[in-house]
Amino acid sequence: MVNNVASVVAANGADELDYSLNVLGEIGSLIGATAGTDPALGSGNLHQLALDTSTPGVKSGSILVSSSSRASPMAR
């Protein structure tokens, strides 16, 4: 779930959260990448990622969420 947790009283005029979600790890183990937007006071966006378990062994990966929204602490 990715949420815009901006501390606002009214969504009108407040910044939306623009973000991207990428996966890192073993090639083919963790699958999925997407981008989205959640408005101020929005309900958040739920994303599903897949983990390939077709072969035996330990699987690992990381999920990286980054934002281009200016007020976001994740903005780069």
Protein backbone atom coordinates (compact mmCIF):
# COMPACT_ATOMS: atom_id res chain seq x y z
CA MET A 1 0.00 0.00 0.00
CA VAL A 2 1.37 3.43 -0.95
CA ASN A 3 -0.33 6.37 0.81
CA ASN A 4 -0.11 10.14 0.63
CA VAL A 5 0.21 11.03 4.32
CA ALA A 6 0.45 14.80 3.79
CA SER A 7 -0.80 16.64 6.85
CA VAL A 8 -3.62 18.67 5.30
CA VAL A 9 -7.18 19.51 6.29
CA ALA A 10 -8.58 19.88 2.76
CA ALA A 11 -7.35 18.17 -0.41
CA ASN A 12 -8.13 21.21 -2.58
CA GLY A 13 -4.79 22.77 -3.53
CA ALA A 14 -2.70 20.16 -1.68
CA ASP A 15 0.06 18.28 -3.51
CA GLU A 16 -0.65 14.79 -4.78
CA LEU A 17 1.91 12.04 -4.23
CA ASP A 18 3.46 10.94 -7.53
CA TYR A 19 5.60 7.82 -7.11
CA SER A 20 7.21 4.86 -8.80
CA LEU A 21 7.62 1.37 -7.40
CA ASN A 22 10.47 -0.84 -8.63
CA VAL A 23 11.79 -4.22 -7.58
CA LEU A 24 15.43 -5.24 -7.15
CA GLY A 25 16.95 -8.63 -6.51
CA GLU A 26 17.64 -11.94 -8.19
CA ILE A 27 16.77 -11.73 -11.88
CA GLY A 28 13.22 -12.99 -12.30
CA SER A 29 12.56 -13.70 -8.61
CA LEU A 30 10.60 -10.60 -7.67
CA ILE A 31 8.49 -9.33 -10.54
CA GLY A 32 6.65 -6.04 -10.93
CA ALA A 33 7.13 -2.33 -11.38
CA THR A 34 4.56 0.41 -11.58
CA ALA A 35 3.92 4.10 -11.04
CA GLY A 36 0.99 5.83 -9.43
CA THR A 37 -0.56 8.90 -7.90
CA ASP A 38 -2.40 9.29 -4.61
CA PRO A 39 -4.18 12.59 -3.97
CA ALA A 40 -3.98 14.39 -0.64
CA LEU A 41 -6.42 12.70 1.76
CA GLY A 42 -6.57 9.78 -0.70
CA SER A 43 -7.18 6.21 0.35
CA GLY A 44 -3.83 4.90 -0.95
CA ASN A 45 -2.99 2.47 -3.73
CA LEU A 46 -2.55 -1.25 -3.22
CA HIS A 47 0.01 -2.94 -5.50
CA GLN A 48 0.61 -6.64 -5.97
CA LEU A 49 4.01 -8.05 -6.88
CA ALA A 50 4.86 -11.60 -7.87
CA LEU A 51 7.56 -13.83 -6.43
CA ASP A 52 8.68 -16.59 -8.82
CA THR A 53 8.80 -19.83 -6.84
CA SER A 54 9.02 -22.19 -9.84
CA THR A 55 12.52 -23.31 -8.84
CA PRO A 56 13.68 -24.50 -5.41
CA GLY A 57 15.88 -22.40 -3.16
CA VAL A 58 16.01 -19.15 -1.28
CA LYS A 59 14.46 -16.16 -3.04
CA SER A 60 15.06 -12.53 -2.17
CA GLY A 61 14.40 -9.05 -3.40
CA SER A 62 13.80 -5.46 -2.41
CA ILE A 63 11.02 -3.03 -3.19
CA LEU A 64 12.06 0.57 -3.88
CA VAL A 65 9.42 3.30 -3.75
CA SER A 66 10.52 6.76 -4.88
CA SER A 67 8.64 10.00 -5.41
CA SER A 68 9.03 13.03 -7.64
CA SER A 69 6.63 15.12 -5.54
CA ARG A 70 8.49 18.17 -4.26
CA ALA A 71 7.28 18.02 -0.65
CA SER A 72 7.90 14.30 -0.26
CA PRO A 73 10.86 13.25 1.90
CA MET A 74 11.47 10.58 -0.78
CA ALA A 75 11.83 13.17 -3.58
CA ARG A 76 15.18 13.11 -5.37
